[in-house]
C-alpha atoms as a PDB file:
ATOM      1  CA  MET A   1      34.427 -16.712  -0.974  1.00  0.00           C
ATOM      2  CA  ILE A   2      31.294 -18.676  -0.127  1.00  0.00           C
ATOM      3  CA  THR A   3      31.955 -22.070   1.427  1.00  0.00           C
ATOM      4  CA  GLN A   4      30.085 -25.269   0.568  1.00  0.00           C
ATOM      5  CA  PRO A   5      28.203 -25.315   3.935  1.00  0.00           C
ATOM      6  CA  GLU A   6      27.118 -21.714   3.307  1.00  0.00           C
ATOM      7  CA  ARG A   7      25.849 -22.674  -0.162  1.00  0.00           C
ATOM      8  CA  GLN A   8      23.880 -25.559   1.331  1.00  0.00           C
ATOM      9  CA  LEU A   9      22.404 -23.309   4.012  1.00  0.00           C
ATOM     10  CA  ALA A  10      21.337 -20.778   1.369  1.00  0.00           C
ATOM     11  CA  LYS A  11      19.557 -23.533  -0.581  1.00  0.00           C
ATOM     12  CA  THR A  12      17.661 -24.835   2.436  1.00  0.00           C
ATOM     13  CA  ALA A  13      16.880 -21.576   4.244  1.00  0.00           C
ATOM     14  CA  THR A  14      13.426 -20.122   3.715  1.00  0.00           C
ATOM     15  CA  VAL A  15      13.694 -16.471   2.731  1.00  0.00           C
ATOM     16  CA  ALA A  16      10.692 -14.146   2.648  1.00  0.00           C
ATOM     17  CA  VAL A  17      10.756 -11.002   0.547  1.00  0.00           C
ATOM     18  CA  VAL A  18       8.190  -8.409   1.563  1.00  0.00           C
ATOM     19  CA  ILE A  19       7.322  -5.911  -1.130  1.00  0.00           C
ATOM     20  CA  HIS A  20       4.613  -3.297  -1.629  1.00  0.00           C
ATOM     21  CA  LYS A  21       3.691  -4.230  -5.221  1.00  0.00           C
ATOM     22  CA  LEU A  22       5.312  -6.772  -7.507  1.00  0.00           C
ATOM     23  CA  GLY A  23       6.454  -5.397 -10.862  1.00  0.00           C
ATOM     24  CA  PRO A  24       7.919  -7.028 -13.966  1.00  0.00           C
ATOM     25  CA  TYR A  25      11.545  -6.265 -13.059  1.00  0.00           C
ATOM     26  CA  HIS A  26      11.027  -7.717  -9.567  1.00  0.00           C
ATOM     27  CA  ASN A  27       9.813 -10.957 -11.125  1.00  0.00           C
ATOM     28  CA  ALA A  28      13.013 -11.430 -13.148  1.00  0.00           C
ATOM     29  CA  ARG A  29      15.251 -10.871 -10.123  1.00  0.00           C
ATOM     30  CA  LEU A  30      13.176 -12.984  -7.769  1.00  0.00           C
ATOM     31  CA  SER A  31      12.981 -15.844 -10.276  1.00  0.00           C
ATOM     32  CA  GLU A  32      16.780 -15.940 -10.422  1.00  0.00           C
ATOM     33  CA  ALA A  33      17.054 -15.847  -6.620  1.00  0.00           C
ATOM     34  CA  ALA A  34      14.538 -18.704  -6.343  1.00  0.00           C
ATOM     35  CA  LYS A  35      16.966 -20.942  -8.231  1.00  0.00           C
ATOM     36  CA  ARG A  36      19.351 -20.637  -5.285  1.00  0.00           C
ATOM     37  CA  MET A  37      17.070 -20.604  -2.243  1.00  0.00           C
ATOM     38  CA  SER A  38      13.604 -21.373  -0.971  1.00  0.00           C
ATOM     39  CA  LEU A  39      11.902 -18.046  -1.667  1.00  0.00           C
ATOM     40  CA  ARG A  40       8.523 -16.706  -0.559  1.00  0.00           C
ATOM     41  CA  VAL A  41       7.311 -13.333  -1.813  1.00  0.00           C
ATOM     42  CA  LEU A  42       4.748 -11.546   0.310  1.00  0.00           C
ATOM     43  CA  LYS A  43       3.358  -8.682  -1.700  1.00  0.00           C
ATOM     44  CA  ALA A  44       1.274  -6.180   0.180  1.00  0.00           C
ATOM     45  CA  CYS A  45      -1.266  -5.575  -2.566  1.00  0.00           C
ATOM     46  CA  ALA A  46      -2.200  -6.530  -6.100  1.00  0.00           C
ATOM     47  CA  LYS A  47      -2.740  -2.921  -7.214  1.00  0.00           C
ATOM     48  CA  ASP A  48      -1.571   0.425  -5.949  1.00  0.00           C
ATOM     49  CA  SER A  49      -2.036   4.078  -6.804  1.00  0.00           C
ATOM     50  CA  THR A  50       1.664   4.714  -7.558  1.00  0.00           C
ATOM     51  CA  TYR A  51       2.413   2.192 -10.313  1.00  0.00           C
ATOM     52  CA  SER A  52       0.116   1.140 -13.131  1.00  0.00           C
ATOM     53  CA  TRP A  53       1.748  -2.257 -13.594  1.00  0.00           C
ATOM     54  CA  ASP A  54      -0.494  -5.067 -14.711  1.00  0.00           C
ATOM     55  CA  THR A  55      -0.895  -7.960 -12.316  1.00  0.00           C
ATOM     56  CA  LEU A  56       1.628 -10.638 -13.292  1.00  0.00           C
ATOM     57  CA  SER A  57      -0.024 -13.852 -14.406  1.00  0.00           C
ATOM     58  CA  HIS A  58       3.252 -15.801 -14.410  1.00  0.00           C
ATOM     59  CA  HIS A  59       5.228 -15.097 -11.286  1.00  0.00           C
ATOM     60  CA  GLY A  60       8.284 -17.270 -11.554  1.00  0.00           C
ATOM     61  CA  ALA A  61       9.686 -20.190  -9.593  1.00  0.00           C
ATOM     62  CA  TYR A  62       8.798 -18.910  -6.137  1.00  0.00           C
ATOM     63  CA  LYS A  63       5.763 -18.925  -3.903  1.00  0.00           C
ATOM     64  CA  ARG A  64       3.835 -15.666  -4.029  1.00  0.00           C
ATOM     65  CA  VAL A  65       1.283 -14.527  -1.459  1.00  0.00           C
ATOM     66  CA  THR A  66      -0.829 -11.424  -2.052  1.00  0.00           C
ATOM     67  CA  LEU A  67      -2.013 -10.015   1.251  1.00  0.00           C
ATOM     68  CA  LEU A  68      -4.556  -7.488  -0.024  1.00  0.00           C
ATOM     69  CA  GLU A  69      -6.270  -8.368  -3.303  1.00  0.00           C
ATOM     70  CA  GLY A  70      -8.822  -5.594  -3.541  1.00  0.00           C
ATOM     71  CA  GLY A  71      -6.896  -2.355  -3.346  1.00  0.00           C
ATOM     72  CA  ASP A  72      -3.883  -0.436  -2.168  1.00  0.00           C
ATOM     73  CA  VAL A  73      -2.402  -1.239   1.223  1.00  0.00           C
ATOM     74  CA  ASP A  74      -2.007   2.507   1.786  1.00  0.00           C
ATOM     75  CA  ASP A  75      -5.813   2.721   1.989  1.00  0.00           C
ATOM     76  CA  CYS A  76      -6.110  -0.142   4.498  1.00  0.00           C
ATOM     77  CA  ALA A  77      -6.312   0.151   8.295  1.00  0.00           C
ATOM     78  CA  SER A  78      -2.852  -0.411   9.806  1.00  0.00           C
ATOM     79  CA  SER A  79      -4.048  -2.847  12.467  1.00  0.00           C
ATOM     80  CA  GLU A  80      -5.981  -4.933   9.931  1.00  0.00           C
ATOM     81  CA  PHE A  81      -3.048  -5.158   7.543  1.00  0.00           C
ATOM     82  CA  GLY A  82      -0.575  -5.790  10.364  1.00  0.00           C
ATOM     83  CA  ALA A  83      -2.554  -8.827  11.522  1.00  0.00           C
ATOM     84  CA  THR A  84      -2.686 -10.137   7.942  1.00  0.00           C
ATOM     85  CA  MET A  85       1.077  -9.714   7.527  1.00  0.00           C
ATOM     86  CA  TRP A  86       1.829 -11.413  10.850  1.00  0.00           C
ATOM     87  CA  ALA A  87      -0.411 -14.369   9.935  1.00  0.00           C
ATOM     88  CA  ALA A  88       1.346 -14.751   6.566  1.00  0.00           C
ATOM     89  CA  LEU A  89       4.804 -14.674   8.166  1.00  0.00           C
ATOM     90  CA  GLN A  90       3.715 -17.178  10.827  1.00  0.00           C
ATOM     91  CA  ALA A  91       2.472 -19.500   8.073  1.00  0.00           C
ATOM     92  CA  GLU A  92       5.696 -19.244   6.051  1.00  0.00           C
ATOM     93  CA  GLN A  93       8.126 -19.359   9.019  1.00  0.00           C
ATOM     94  CA  PRO A  94      11.045 -17.745   7.163  1.00  0.00           C
ATOM     95  CA  GLN A  95      14.580 -17.887   8.571  1.00  0.00           C
ATOM     96  CA  VAL A  96      15.293 -14.405   7.194  1.00  0.00           C
ATOM     97  CA  VAL A  97      13.065 -11.604   5.895  1.00  0.00           C
ATOM     98  CA  LEU A  98      14.039  -9.060   3.240  1.00  0.00           C
ATOM     99  CA  ILE A  99      11.885  -5.927   3.491  1.00  0.00           C
ATOM    100  CA  SER A 100      11.553  -3.453   0.643  1.00  0.00           C
ATOM    101  CA  GLY A 101      11.036  -0.004   2.142  1.00  0.00           C
ATOM    102  CA  TRP A 102      11.121   1.423   5.638  1.00  0.00           C
ATOM    103  CA  SER A 103       8.156   3.717   6.269  1.00  0.00           C
ATOM    104  CA  GLY A 104       4.976   2.010   5.071  1.00  0.00           C
ATOM    105  CA  ILE A 105       2.889  -0.429   7.081  1.00  0.00           C
ATOM    106  CA  TRP A 106       3.997  -3.143   4.611  1.00  0.00           C
ATOM    107  CA  ALA A 107       7.575  -2.562   5.887  1.00  0.00           C
ATOM    108  CA  LEU A 108       6.995  -1.789   9.558  1.00  0.00           C
ATOM    109  CA  SER A 109       4.695  -4.733  10.231  1.00  0.00           C
ATOM    110  CA  PRO A 110       7.175  -7.425   9.101  1.00  0.00           C
ATOM    111  CA  LEU A 111       9.944  -5.605  10.967  1.00  0.00           C
ATOM    112  CA  GLN A 112       7.869  -5.872  14.148  1.00  0.00           C
ATOM    113  CA  TRP A 113       7.263  -9.565  13.458  1.00  0.00           C
ATOM    114  CA  CYS A 114      10.988 -10.171  12.955  1.00  0.00           C
ATOM    115  CA  LEU A 115      11.858  -8.410  16.213  1.00  0.00           C
ATOM    116  CA  ALA A 116       9.163 -10.307  18.127  1.00  0.00           C
ATOM    117  CA  ASN A 117      10.227 -13.678  16.679  1.00  0.00           C
ATOM    118  CA  ASP A 118      14.007 -13.177  16.693  1.00  0.00           C
ATOM    119  CA  VAL A 119      14.220 -13.547  12.902  1.00  0.00           C
ATOM    120  CA  PRO A 120      16.964 -11.615  11.084  1.00  0.00           C
ATOM    121  CA  CYS A 121      15.802  -9.067   8.545  1.00  0.00           C
ATOM    122  CA  VAL A 122      17.315  -6.827   5.913  1.00  0.00           C
ATOM    123  CA  MET A 123      15.620  -3.504   5.205  1.00  0.00           C
ATOM    124  CA  MET A 124      16.145  -2.343   1.636  1.00  0.00           C
ATOM    125  CA  SER A 125      15.761   1.333   0.824  1.00  0.00           C
ATOM    126  CA  ASP A 126      16.866   3.077  -2.327  1.00  0.00           C
ATOM    127  CA  SER A 127      16.848   6.693  -1.196  1.00  0.00           C
ATOM    128  CA  LEU A 128      19.959   8.742  -1.789  1.00  0.00           C
ATOM    129  CA  LYS A 129      21.216  11.367   0.610  1.00  0.00           C
ATOM    130  CA  ASP A 130      21.251  14.068  -2.076  1.00  0.00           C
ATOM    131  CA  ALA A 131      18.232  12.871  -4.098  1.00  0.00           C
ATOM    132  CA  PHE A 132      15.744  15.135  -2.323  1.00  0.00           C
ATOM    133  CA  TRP A 133      15.486  17.099   0.843  1.00  0.00           C
ATOM    134  CA  ARG A 134      14.046  15.188   3.790  1.00  0.00           C
ATOM    135  CA  PRO A 135      13.258  16.963   7.080  1.00  0.00           C
ATOM    136  CA  PRO A 136      15.826  16.116   9.773  1.00  0.00           C
ATOM    137  CA  TRP A 137      13.144  14.570  12.013  1.00  0.00           C
ATOM    138  CA  LYS A 138      12.109  12.206   9.215  1.00  0.00           C
ATOM    139  CA  GLU A 139      15.725  11.245   8.514  1.00  0.00           C
ATOM    140  CA  ALA A 140      16.204  10.560  12.256  1.00  0.00           C
ATOM    141  CA  ILE A 141      13.174   8.242  12.272  1.00  0.00           C
ATOM    142  CA  LYS A 142      14.458   6.364   9.218  1.00  0.00           C
ATOM    143  CA  ARG A 143      17.916   5.971  10.792  1.00  0.00           C
ATOM    144  CA  ARG A 144      16.355   4.600  13.973  1.00  0.00           C
ATOM    145  CA  ILE A 145      14.131   2.094  12.133  1.00  0.00           C
ATOM    146  CA  VAL A 146      16.908   0.839   9.869  1.00  0.00           C
ATOM    147  CA  ARG A 147      19.178   0.260  12.881  1.00  0.00           C
ATOM    148  CA  LEU A 148      16.672  -2.098  14.498  1.00  0.00           C
END
């Protein structure tokens, strides 16, 4: 059971959600979460080559920051994007960071920021053990990153 002080903390804590690309179903979930906490969404890019979602004109009751307007973050230099991500996190000063993914620069850069700034983070990954075969070395890397 959640106590009253915990509820108050959740309402006042600034939470950043880092995501590759914001889709319609993300918006619904994030809008609901924003009713309960101070939420900032840092989306890596406005468009990507994987999903053909339209850019959302109405983004809900949370602050949204797009880090790369012109293209896909996967086509951007890692060091350039990393500096952009760090600057955005410094500006927002979240007390916790939720990171969607584990292997892209949009996930690794905020993880590095969290470690450097002693900010708790939650890495969210939806892969299933039996969904597809992943080389053991790649699985070992993922395990190591997620444990940080």
